[in-house]
Amino acid sequence: MQIIEGFLSETKTFSRDNRLEVKILLRRGKSFETLNHYEQAKEDLDRAISLEPQNGEARTLLKKVQEKIDTVLFDQYNTHA
């Protein structure tokens, strides 16, 4: 029984750590997006969503960042065509 209680305690700590990591990734992703570093923002947001799939803020920002990446790639394609 003591082993199970210890496991549950460690799991709660891990869960809190994930929330903190998601928060950090989200903030850093926003910062990268502001600096027009879209690929780096996408990486952080993908990671945040993998840790917390139901995070609506991360999903919304990822959609915005992906649209900007698509626009940049489209513009580059048209410039070289």
C-alpha atoms as a PDB file:
ATOM      1  CA  MET A   1       0.000   0.000   0.000  1.00  0.00           C
ATOM      2  CA  GLN A   2       2.854   2.372   0.837  1.00  0.00           C
ATOM      3  CA  ILE A   3       4.373   1.785  -2.601  1.00  0.00           C
ATOM      4  CA  ILE A   4       1.103   2.738  -4.293  1.00  0.00           C
ATOM      5  CA  GLU A   5       0.789   5.915  -2.208  1.00  0.00           C
ATOM      6  CA  GLY A   6       4.355   6.864  -3.144  1.00  0.00           C
ATOM      7  CA  PHE A   7       3.622   6.252  -6.811  1.00  0.00           C
ATOM      8  CA  LEU A   8       0.479   8.401  -6.645  1.00  0.00           C
ATOM      9  CA  SER A   9       2.424  11.186  -4.966  1.00  0.00           C
ATOM     10  CA  GLU A  10       5.151  11.057  -7.630  1.00  0.00           C
ATOM     11  CA  THR A  11       2.523  11.026 -10.391  1.00  0.00           C
ATOM     12  CA  LYS A  12       0.915  14.202  -8.997  1.00  0.00           C
ATOM     13  CA  THR A  13       4.299  15.918  -8.986  1.00  0.00           C
ATOM     14  CA  PHE A  14       4.928  14.798 -12.569  1.00  0.00           C
ATOM     15  CA  SER A  15       1.527  16.152 -13.594  1.00  0.00           C
ATOM     16  CA  ARG A  16       2.332  19.533 -12.025  1.00  0.00           C
ATOM     17  CA  ASP A  17       5.694  19.538 -13.787  1.00  0.00           C
ATOM     18  CA  ASN A  18       3.956  18.937 -17.131  1.00  0.00           C
ATOM     19  CA  ARG A  19       1.668  21.904 -16.533  1.00  0.00           C
ATOM     20  CA  LEU A  20       4.684  24.071 -15.796  1.00  0.00           C
ATOM     21  CA  GLU A  21       6.504  22.810 -18.864  1.00  0.00           C
ATOM     22  CA  VAL A  22       3.418  23.486 -21.016  1.00  0.00           C
ATOM     23  CA  LYS A  23       3.181  27.011 -19.622  1.00  0.00           C
ATOM     24  CA  ILE A  24       6.859  27.660 -20.354  1.00  0.00           C
ATOM     25  CA  LEU A  25       6.597  26.217 -23.870  1.00  0.00           C
ATOM     26  CA  LEU A  26       3.513  28.306 -24.562  1.00  0.00           C
ATOM     27  CA  ARG A  27       5.189  31.518 -23.416  1.00  0.00           C
ATOM     28  CA  ARG A  28       8.331  30.769 -25.376  1.00  0.00           C
ATOM     29  CA  GLY A  29       6.252  29.855 -28.415  1.00  0.00           C
ATOM     30  CA  LYS A  30       4.482  33.228 -28.186  1.00  0.00           C
ATOM     31  CA  SER A  31       7.851  34.963 -27.929  1.00  0.00           C
ATOM     32  CA  PHE A  32       9.202  33.147 -30.995  1.00  0.00           C
ATOM     33  CA  GLU A  33       6.026  34.027 -32.902  1.00  0.00           C
ATOM     34  CA  THR A  34       6.444  37.699 -31.998  1.00  0.00           C
ATOM     35  CA  LEU A  35      10.019  37.583 -33.291  1.00  0.00           C
ATOM     36  CA  ASN A  36       8.833  35.915 -36.527  1.00  0.00           C
ATOM     37  CA  HIS A  37      10.716  32.720 -35.646  1.00  0.00           C
ATOM     38  CA  TYR A  38       7.795  30.585 -36.730  1.00  0.00           C
ATOM     39  CA  GLU A  39       9.521  27.207 -36.974  1.00  0.00           C
ATOM     40  CA  GLN A  40      10.828  27.502 -33.415  1.00  0.00           C
ATOM     41  CA  ALA A  41       7.389  28.625 -32.224  1.00  0.00           C
ATOM     42  CA  LYS A  42       5.818  25.629 -33.962  1.00  0.00           C
ATOM     43  CA  GLU A  43       8.249  23.218 -32.295  1.00  0.00           C
ATOM     44  CA  ASP A  44       7.426  24.566 -28.824  1.00  0.00           C
ATOM     45  CA  LEU A  45       3.689  24.570 -29.477  1.00  0.00           C
ATOM     46  CA  ASP A  46       3.761  21.031 -30.884  1.00  0.00           C
ATOM     47  CA  ARG A  47       5.551  19.903 -27.727  1.00  0.00           C
ATOM     48  CA  ALA A  48       3.080  21.757 -25.487  1.00  0.00           C
ATOM     49  CA  ILE A  49       0.157  20.083 -27.253  1.00  0.00           C
ATOM     50  CA  SER A  50       1.790  16.671 -27.001  1.00  0.00           C
ATOM     51  CA  LEU A  51       2.003  17.180 -23.228  1.00  0.00           C
ATOM     52  CA  GLU A  52      -1.452  18.728 -22.890  1.00  0.00           C
ATOM     53  CA  PRO A  53      -3.614  17.899 -25.931  1.00  0.00           C
ATOM     54  CA  GLN A  54      -6.662  19.777 -24.613  1.00  0.00           C
ATOM     55  CA  ASN A  55      -4.833  23.117 -24.314  1.00  0.00           C
ATOM     56  CA  GLY A  56      -6.942  25.424 -26.457  1.00  0.00           C
ATOM     57  CA  GLU A  57      -4.574  28.376 -26.237  1.00  0.00           C
ATOM     58  CA  ALA A  58      -1.668  26.317 -27.578  1.00  0.00           C
ATOM     59  CA  ARG A  59      -3.846  24.902 -30.376  1.00  0.00           C
ATOM     60  CA  THR A  60      -5.080  28.362 -31.395  1.00  0.00           C
ATOM     61  CA  LEU A  61      -1.580  29.819 -31.452  1.00  0.00           C
ATOM     62  CA  LEU A  62      -0.256  26.801 -33.364  1.00  0.00           C
ATOM     63  CA  LYS A  63      -2.909  27.338 -36.035  1.00  0.00           C
ATOM     64  CA  LYS A  64      -1.900  31.015 -36.301  1.00  0.00           C
ATOM     65  CA  VAL A  65       1.804  30.126 -36.521  1.00  0.00           C
ATOM     66  CA  GLN A  66       1.152  27.426 -39.131  1.00  0.00           C
ATOM     67  CA  GLU A  67      -0.769  29.943 -41.251  1.00  0.00           C
ATOM     68  CA  LYS A  68       2.205  32.327 -41.064  1.00  0.00           C
ATOM     69  CA  ILE A  69       4.607  29.538 -42.044  1.00  0.00           C
ATOM     70  CA  ASP A  70       2.382  28.676 -44.987  1.00  0.00           C
ATOM     71  CA  THR A  71       2.295  32.330 -46.064  1.00  0.00           C
ATOM     72  CA  VAL A  72       6.081  32.650 -45.874  1.00  0.00           C
ATOM     73  CA  LEU A  73       6.564  29.445 -47.872  1.00  0.00           C
ATOM     74  CA  PHE A  74       3.994  30.555 -50.451  1.00  0.00           C
ATOM     75  CA  ASP A  75       5.709  33.921 -50.821  1.00  0.00           C
ATOM     76  CA  GLN A  76       9.106  32.243 -51.201  1.00  0.00           C
ATOM     77  CA  TYR A  77       7.721  29.913 -53.836  1.00  0.00           C
ATOM     78  CA  ASN A  78       6.208  32.791 -55.803  1.00  0.00           C
ATOM     79  CA  THR A  79       9.433  34.789 -55.577  1.00  0.00           C
ATOM     80  CA  HIS A  80      11.485  31.931 -57.037  1.00  0.00           C
ATOM     81  CA  ALA A  81       8.921  30.911 -59.665  1.00  0.00           C
END
